[in-house]
Amino acid sequence: MADDELAAIRAARMQQLQQESSSRGGRGGGGDSDEAQKAQQQAQQIRELLATVLEPAARERLSRIALVAPDRSRQIEGILARMAQTGQLRGRVSEAQLIDLLQQAEDANSSAAKVGAIKFQRRVDDDDDWDI
């Protein structure tokens, strides 16, 4: 089942690359509408890929995350798309697996942001003049 889906994804990607290479050969410059259309097609392909890769509960959680944190949602979608295209996914991604992936991404971001910590050590002056 996963092999059939992977073959379909690869065939769609190959067709997309062939269309892009043939459209570049005939034109001198690309317009903004072409770029917008390509971006829209790519977003549609990612949505279709995620629909096949994610279980309904995981897809719902990812859509809720997209409402709150769109960049995190795009990051996770990109990771899932890459994993699906390289064949790293063995089956459909459950909600628990999505939560684990979110946690791993959070840990990676927090460790990258936390380069070093500054620790202030206050020294107490114990030398007192009234020590008679």
C-alpha atoms as a PDB file:
ATOM      1  CA  MET A   1       0.000   0.000   0.000  1.00  0.00           C
ATOM      2  CA  ALA A   2       2.769   2.442   0.886  1.00  0.00           C
ATOM      3  CA  ASP A   3       4.715   1.427  -2.231  1.00  0.00           C
ATOM      4  CA  ASP A   4       1.752   2.301  -4.462  1.00  0.00           C
ATOM      5  CA  GLU A   5       1.362   5.696  -2.804  1.00  0.00           C
ATOM      6  CA  LEU A   6       5.078   6.356  -3.064  1.00  0.00           C
ATOM      7  CA  ALA A   7       5.074   5.418  -6.749  1.00  0.00           C
ATOM      8  CA  ALA A   8       2.155   7.783  -7.373  1.00  0.00           C
ATOM      9  CA  ILE A   9       3.958  10.593  -5.558  1.00  0.00           C
ATOM     10  CA  ARG A  10       7.131  10.004  -7.547  1.00  0.00           C
ATOM     11  CA  ALA A  11       5.213   9.928 -10.835  1.00  0.00           C
ATOM     12  CA  ALA A  12       3.462  13.202  -9.996  1.00  0.00           C
ATOM     13  CA  ARG A  13       6.761  14.829  -9.071  1.00  0.00           C
ATOM     14  CA  MET A  14       8.414  13.601 -12.280  1.00  0.00           C
ATOM     15  CA  GLN A  15       5.537  14.987 -14.339  1.00  0.00           C
ATOM     16  CA  GLN A  16       5.809  18.315 -12.520  1.00  0.00           C
ATOM     17  CA  LEU A  17       9.548  18.530 -13.212  1.00  0.00           C
ATOM     18  CA  GLN A  18       9.013  17.727 -16.888  1.00  0.00           C
ATOM     19  CA  GLN A  19       6.349  20.424 -17.180  1.00  0.00           C
ATOM     20  CA  GLU A  20       8.613  22.975 -15.512  1.00  0.00           C
ATOM     21  CA  SER A  21      11.541  22.165 -17.776  1.00  0.00           C
ATOM     22  CA  SER A  22       9.397  22.368 -20.921  1.00  0.00           C
ATOM     23  CA  SER A  23       7.840  25.678 -19.835  1.00  0.00           C
ATOM     24  CA  ARG A  24      11.272  27.216 -19.161  1.00  0.00           C
ATOM     25  CA  GLY A  25      12.562  26.381 -22.608  1.00  0.00           C
ATOM     26  CA  GLY A  26       9.951  28.433 -24.488  1.00  0.00           C
ATOM     27  CA  ARG A  27       9.932  31.594 -22.375  1.00  0.00           C
ATOM     28  CA  GLY A  28      12.527  34.231 -21.717  1.00  0.00           C
ATOM     29  CA  GLY A  29      11.214  35.543 -18.420  1.00  0.00           C
ATOM     30  CA  GLY A  30       8.709  34.345 -15.894  1.00  0.00           C
ATOM     31  CA  GLY A  31       5.903  36.524 -14.597  1.00  0.00           C
ATOM     32  CA  ASP A  32       4.580  36.903 -11.108  1.00  0.00           C
ATOM     33  CA  SER A  33       1.407  35.062 -12.065  1.00  0.00           C
ATOM     34  CA  ASP A  34       3.442  32.025 -13.138  1.00  0.00           C
ATOM     35  CA  GLU A  35       5.291  32.003  -9.838  1.00  0.00           C
ATOM     36  CA  ALA A  36       2.059  32.411  -7.899  1.00  0.00           C
ATOM     37  CA  GLN A  37       0.473  29.602  -9.882  1.00  0.00           C
ATOM     38  CA  LYS A  38       3.468  27.330  -9.246  1.00  0.00           C
ATOM     39  CA  ALA A  39       3.378  28.137  -5.539  1.00  0.00           C
ATOM     40  CA  GLN A  40      -0.339  27.392  -5.465  1.00  0.00           C
ATOM     41  CA  GLN A  41       0.193  24.082  -7.286  1.00  0.00           C
ATOM     42  CA  GLN A  42       2.978  23.137  -4.910  1.00  0.00           C
ATOM     43  CA  ALA A  43       0.810  23.956  -1.891  1.00  0.00           C
ATOM     44  CA  GLN A  44      -1.999  21.866  -3.373  1.00  0.00           C
ATOM     45  CA  GLN A  45       0.369  18.923  -3.910  1.00  0.00           C
ATOM     46  CA  ILE A  46       1.577  19.145  -0.318  1.00  0.00           C
ATOM     47  CA  ARG A  47      -2.032  19.203   0.932  1.00  0.00           C
ATOM     48  CA  GLU A  48      -2.853  16.126  -1.166  1.00  0.00           C
ATOM     49  CA  LEU A  49       0.273  14.362   0.058  1.00  0.00           C
ATOM     50  CA  LEU A  50      -0.549  15.157   3.680  1.00  0.00           C
ATOM     51  CA  ALA A  51      -4.100  13.906   3.164  1.00  0.00           C
ATOM     52  CA  THR A  52      -2.707  10.512   2.161  1.00  0.00           C
ATOM     53  CA  VAL A  53       0.021  10.427   4.812  1.00  0.00           C
ATOM     54  CA  LEU A  54      -1.822  11.701   7.907  1.00  0.00           C
ATOM     55  CA  GLU A  55      -4.632  10.045   9.812  1.00  0.00           C
ATOM     56  CA  PRO A  56      -7.739  12.248  10.224  1.00  0.00           C
ATOM     57  CA  ALA A  57      -6.996  13.063  13.882  1.00  0.00           C
ATOM     58  CA  ALA A  58      -3.422  14.072  13.041  1.00  0.00           C
ATOM     59  CA  ARG A  59      -4.605  16.170  10.087  1.00  0.00           C
ATOM     60  CA  GLU A  60      -7.100  17.925  12.363  1.00  0.00           C
ATOM     61  CA  ARG A  61      -4.399  18.656  14.957  1.00  0.00           C
ATOM     62  CA  LEU A  62      -2.086  20.030  12.269  1.00  0.00           C
ATOM     63  CA  SER A  63      -4.850  22.301  10.955  1.00  0.00           C
ATOM     64  CA  ARG A  64      -5.447  23.625  14.493  1.00  0.00           C
ATOM     65  CA  ILE A  65      -1.727  24.278  14.831  1.00  0.00           C
ATOM     66  CA  ALA A  66      -1.832  26.158  11.516  1.00  0.00           C
ATOM     67  CA  LEU A  67      -4.427  28.524  12.985  1.00  0.00           C
ATOM     68  CA  VAL A  68      -2.262  29.336  15.999  1.00  0.00           C
ATOM     69  CA  ALA A  69       1.284  29.064  14.616  1.00  0.00           C
ATOM     70  CA  PRO A  70       1.397  29.068  10.788  1.00  0.00           C
ATOM     71  CA  ASP A  71       5.223  28.878  10.608  1.00  0.00           C
ATOM     72  CA  ARG A  72       5.354  25.821  12.841  1.00  0.00           C
ATOM     73  CA  SER A  73       2.636  24.201  10.743  1.00  0.00           C
ATOM     74  CA  ARG A  74       4.559  24.897   7.520  1.00  0.00           C
ATOM     75  CA  GLN A  75       7.716  23.523   9.130  1.00  0.00           C
ATOM     76  CA  ILE A  76       6.003  20.278  10.154  1.00  0.00           C
ATOM     77  CA  GLU A  77       4.275  19.975   6.763  1.00  0.00           C
ATOM     78  CA  GLY A  78       7.646  20.336   5.060  1.00  0.00           C
ATOM     79  CA  ILE A  79       9.198  17.708   7.311  1.00  0.00           C
ATOM     80  CA  LEU A  80       6.332  15.287   6.691  1.00  0.00           C
ATOM     81  CA  ALA A  81       6.426  15.886   2.924  1.00  0.00           C
ATOM     82  CA  ARG A  82      10.176  15.286   2.844  1.00  0.00           C
ATOM     83  CA  MET A  83       9.817  12.122   4.908  1.00  0.00           C
ATOM     84  CA  ALA A  84       7.064  10.839   2.610  1.00  0.00           C
ATOM     85  CA  GLN A  85       9.044  11.587  -0.550  1.00  0.00           C
ATOM     86  CA  THR A  86      12.160   9.864   0.747  1.00  0.00           C
ATOM     87  CA  GLY A  87      10.203   6.833   1.939  1.00  0.00           C
ATOM     88  CA  GLN A  88      10.885   7.265   5.646  1.00  0.00           C
ATOM     89  CA  LEU A  89       7.219   6.874   6.565  1.00  0.00           C
ATOM     90  CA  ARG A  90       6.079   3.263   6.937  1.00  0.00           C
ATOM     91  CA  GLY A  91       2.372   3.999   7.141  1.00  0.00           C
ATOM     92  CA  ARG A  92      -0.038   6.734   8.020  1.00  0.00           C
ATOM     93  CA  VAL A  93       1.102   9.146  10.715  1.00  0.00           C
ATOM     94  CA  SER A  94      -1.032   8.981  13.851  1.00  0.00           C
ATOM     95  CA  GLU A  95      -1.760  11.850  16.196  1.00  0.00           C
ATOM     96  CA  ALA A  96       0.723  10.485  18.753  1.00  0.00           C
ATOM     97  CA  GLN A  97       3.464  10.339  16.120  1.00  0.00           C
ATOM     98  CA  LEU A  98       2.634  13.907  15.069  1.00  0.00           C
ATOM     99  CA  ILE A  99       2.896  15.051  18.690  1.00  0.00           C
ATOM    100  CA  ASP A 100       6.278  13.320  18.942  1.00  0.00           C
ATOM    101  CA  LEU A 101       7.432  15.052  15.747  1.00  0.00           C
ATOM    102  CA  LEU A 102       6.259  18.401  17.115  1.00  0.00           C
ATOM    103  CA  GLN A 103       8.183  17.772  20.343  1.00  0.00           C
ATOM    104  CA  GLN A 104      11.350  16.881  18.420  1.00  0.00           C
ATOM    105  CA  ALA A 105      11.050  20.065  16.357  1.00  0.00           C
ATOM    106  CA  GLU A 106      10.521  22.108  19.524  1.00  0.00           C
ATOM    107  CA  ASP A 107      13.574  20.538  21.186  1.00  0.00           C
ATOM    108  CA  ALA A 108      15.695  21.232  18.106  1.00  0.00           C
ATOM    109  CA  ASN A 109      14.565  24.863  17.992  1.00  0.00           C
ATOM    110  CA  SER A 110      15.057  25.449  21.707  1.00  0.00           C
ATOM    111  CA  SER A 111      18.547  23.928  21.750  1.00  0.00           C
ATOM    112  CA  ALA A 112      19.554  25.978  18.712  1.00  0.00           C
ATOM    113  CA  ALA A 113      18.292  29.184  20.311  1.00  0.00           C
ATOM    114  CA  LYS A 114      19.969  28.481  23.649  1.00  0.00           C
ATOM    115  CA  VAL A 115      23.626  28.992  22.794  1.00  0.00           C
ATOM    116  CA  GLY A 116      24.903  30.014  26.191  1.00  0.00           C
ATOM    117  CA  ALA A 117      23.654  31.250  29.493  1.00  0.00           C
ATOM    118  CA  ILE A 118      25.077  34.055  31.563  1.00  0.00           C
ATOM    119  CA  LYS A 119      25.274  33.359  35.253  1.00  0.00           C
ATOM    120  CA  PHE A 120      25.780  36.230  37.634  1.00  0.00           C
ATOM    121  CA  GLN A 121      27.552  35.274  40.823  1.00  0.00           C
ATOM    122  CA  ARG A 122      27.199  37.853  43.511  1.00  0.00           C
ATOM    123  CA  ARG A 123      30.068  37.898  45.923  1.00  0.00           C
ATOM    124  CA  VAL A 124      29.407  38.800  49.490  1.00  0.00           C
ATOM    125  CA  ASP A 125      31.940  40.923  51.277  1.00  0.00           C
ATOM    126  CA  ASP A 126      32.599  39.017  54.505  1.00  0.00           C
ATOM    127  CA  ASP A 127      35.407  41.268  55.609  1.00  0.00           C
ATOM    128  CA  ASP A 128      33.833  43.414  58.236  1.00  0.00           C
ATOM    129  CA  ASP A 129      35.493  46.280  60.074  1.00  0.00           C
ATOM    130  CA  TRP A 130      33.485  45.563  63.220  1.00  0.00           C
ATOM    131  CA  ASP A 131      35.174  42.195  63.906  1.00  0.00           C
ATOM    132  CA  ILE A 132      36.899  43.259  67.107  1.00  0.00           C
END
